[in-house]
Amino acid sequence: MDFSSNEDEKHTANMCFMEIKSDNEVLSSNDESDLSYNELYNAFESLYDEFKKLGHKYSSLEKSHASLLVEKDALEKKT
């Protein structure tokens, strides 16, 4: 059995993993697209306002759809 080569492979794999982890940390700390809390909060508020507007529009369209279905059923009964 060759335990030493198996241990060497594990050690090499761990070293590679540590190196990748180190590179990712450097990339994330140098990332200039990080937004501040206020910028994120403002973006969230804007999206939430848009969500509420679309929710009201959806409710209105749902009522119109129900009304049109009733009208359609009434027209079908007449014919």
C-alpha atoms as a PDB file:
ATOM      1  CA  MET A   1       0.000   0.000   0.000  1.00  0.00           C
ATOM      2  CA  ASP A   2       1.252   3.447  -0.898  1.00  0.00           C
ATOM      3  CA  PHE A   3       0.023   5.720   1.903  1.00  0.00           C
ATOM      4  CA  SER A   4       2.628   8.421   1.336  1.00  0.00           C
ATOM      5  CA  SER A   5       1.515   9.185  -2.239  1.00  0.00           C
ATOM      6  CA  ASN A   6      -2.116   9.301  -1.108  1.00  0.00           C
ATOM      7  CA  GLU A   7      -1.201  11.772   1.644  1.00  0.00           C
ATOM      8  CA  ASP A   8       0.819  13.846  -0.852  1.00  0.00           C
ATOM      9  CA  GLU A   9      -2.203  14.007  -3.187  1.00  0.00           C
ATOM     10  CA  LYS A  10      -4.447  15.172  -0.342  1.00  0.00           C
ATOM     11  CA  HIS A  11      -1.916  17.800   0.682  1.00  0.00           C
ATOM     12  CA  THR A  12      -1.585  19.041  -2.908  1.00  0.00           C
ATOM     13  CA  ALA A  13      -5.359  19.175  -3.306  1.00  0.00           C
ATOM     14  CA  ASN A  14      -5.703  21.142  -0.071  1.00  0.00           C
ATOM     15  CA  MET A  15      -3.006  23.563  -1.162  1.00  0.00           C
ATOM     16  CA  CYS A  16      -4.812  24.151  -4.470  1.00  0.00           C
ATOM     17  CA  PHE A  17      -8.077  24.706  -2.639  1.00  0.00           C
ATOM     18  CA  MET A  18      -6.444  27.197  -0.311  1.00  0.00           C
ATOM     19  CA  GLU A  19      -4.949  29.033  -3.251  1.00  0.00           C
ATOM     20  CA  ILE A  20      -8.309  29.276  -5.011  1.00  0.00           C
ATOM     21  CA  LYS A  21      -9.940  30.470  -1.817  1.00  0.00           C
ATOM     22  CA  SER A  22      -7.232  33.082  -1.447  1.00  0.00           C
ATOM     23  CA  ASP A  23      -7.779  34.303  -5.035  1.00  0.00           C
ATOM     24  CA  ASN A  24     -11.532  34.596  -4.475  1.00  0.00           C
ATOM     25  CA  GLU A  25     -10.987  36.659  -1.378  1.00  0.00           C
ATOM     26  CA  VAL A  26      -8.731  39.021  -3.273  1.00  0.00           C
ATOM     27  CA  LEU A  27     -11.267  39.356  -6.070  1.00  0.00           C
ATOM     28  CA  SER A  28     -14.128  40.071  -3.720  1.00  0.00           C
ATOM     29  CA  SER A  29     -12.200  42.680  -1.764  1.00  0.00           C
ATOM     30  CA  ASN A  30     -11.172  44.468  -4.977  1.00  0.00           C
ATOM     31  CA  ASP A  31     -14.669  44.352  -6.474  1.00  0.00           C
ATOM     32  CA  GLU A  32     -15.717  47.938  -7.154  1.00  0.00           C
ATOM     33  CA  SER A  33     -19.380  47.050  -7.769  1.00  0.00           C
ATOM     34  CA  ASP A  34     -20.140  46.675  -4.045  1.00  0.00           C
ATOM     35  CA  LEU A  35     -23.184  48.756  -3.202  1.00  0.00           C
ATOM     36  CA  SER A  36     -23.626  50.578   0.059  1.00  0.00           C
ATOM     37  CA  TYR A  37     -26.497  49.756   2.389  1.00  0.00           C
ATOM     38  CA  ASN A  38     -28.318  52.966   1.367  1.00  0.00           C
ATOM     39  CA  GLU A  39     -27.978  52.168  -2.325  1.00  0.00           C
ATOM     40  CA  LEU A  40     -29.321  48.662  -1.771  1.00  0.00           C
ATOM     41  CA  TYR A  41     -32.157  49.983   0.390  1.00  0.00           C
ATOM     42  CA  ASN A  42     -33.132  52.556  -2.241  1.00  0.00           C
ATOM     43  CA  ALA A  43     -33.081  49.898  -4.960  1.00  0.00           C
ATOM     44  CA  PHE A  44     -35.244  47.643  -2.775  1.00  0.00           C
ATOM     45  CA  GLU A  45     -37.740  50.459  -2.133  1.00  0.00           C
ATOM     46  CA  SER A  46     -37.948  51.181  -5.840  1.00  0.00           C
ATOM     47  CA  LEU A  47     -38.555  47.517  -6.661  1.00  0.00           C
ATOM     48  CA  TYR A  48     -41.135  47.233  -3.870  1.00  0.00           C
ATOM     49  CA  ASP A  49     -43.012  50.295  -5.164  1.00  0.00           C
ATOM     50  CA  GLU A  50     -43.037  48.773  -8.653  1.00  0.00           C
ATOM     51  CA  PHE A  51     -44.275  45.488  -7.159  1.00  0.00           C
ATOM     52  CA  LYS A  52     -47.184  47.268  -5.441  1.00  0.00           C
ATOM     53  CA  LYS A  53     -48.119  49.102  -8.664  1.00  0.00           C
ATOM     54  CA  LEU A  54     -48.084  45.860 -10.636  1.00  0.00           C
ATOM     55  CA  GLY A  55     -50.129  44.178  -7.895  1.00  0.00           C
ATOM     56  CA  HIS A  56     -52.832  46.846  -8.183  1.00  0.00           C
ATOM     57  CA  LYS A  57     -52.775  46.564 -11.961  1.00  0.00           C
ATOM     58  CA  TYR A  58     -53.075  42.774 -11.709  1.00  0.00           C
ATOM     59  CA  SER A  59     -56.076  43.082  -9.363  1.00  0.00           C
ATOM     60  CA  SER A  60     -57.749  45.497 -11.760  1.00  0.00           C
ATOM     61  CA  LEU A  61     -57.135  43.200 -14.724  1.00  0.00           C
ATOM     62  CA  GLU A  62     -58.416  40.230 -12.729  1.00  0.00           C
ATOM     63  CA  LYS A  63     -61.701  42.093 -12.027  1.00  0.00           C
ATOM     64  CA  SER A  64     -61.991  43.054 -15.693  1.00  0.00           C
ATOM     65  CA  HIS A  65     -61.393  39.448 -16.706  1.00  0.00           C
ATOM     66  CA  ALA A  66     -64.108  38.202 -14.335  1.00  0.00           C
ATOM     67  CA  SER A  67     -66.511  40.813 -15.692  1.00  0.00           C
ATOM     68  CA  LEU A  68     -65.747  39.825 -19.275  1.00  0.00           C
ATOM     69  CA  LEU A  69     -66.308  36.140 -18.445  1.00  0.00           C
ATOM     70  CA  VAL A  70     -69.753  36.985 -17.041  1.00  0.00           C
ATOM     71  CA  GLU A  71     -70.528  39.016 -20.171  1.00  0.00           C
ATOM     72  CA  LYS A  72     -69.297  36.175 -22.389  1.00  0.00           C
ATOM     73  CA  ASP A  73     -71.488  33.649 -20.565  1.00  0.00           C
ATOM     74  CA  ALA A  74     -74.505  35.968 -20.922  1.00  0.00           C
ATOM     75  CA  LEU A  75     -73.876  36.340 -24.669  1.00  0.00           C
ATOM     76  CA  GLU A  76     -73.498  32.580 -25.073  1.00  0.00           C
ATOM     77  CA  LYS A  77     -76.862  32.020 -23.370  1.00  0.00           C
ATOM     78  CA  LYS A  78     -78.528  34.449 -25.760  1.00  0.00           C
ATOM     79  CA  THR A  79     -77.272  32.619 -28.827  1.00  0.00           C
END
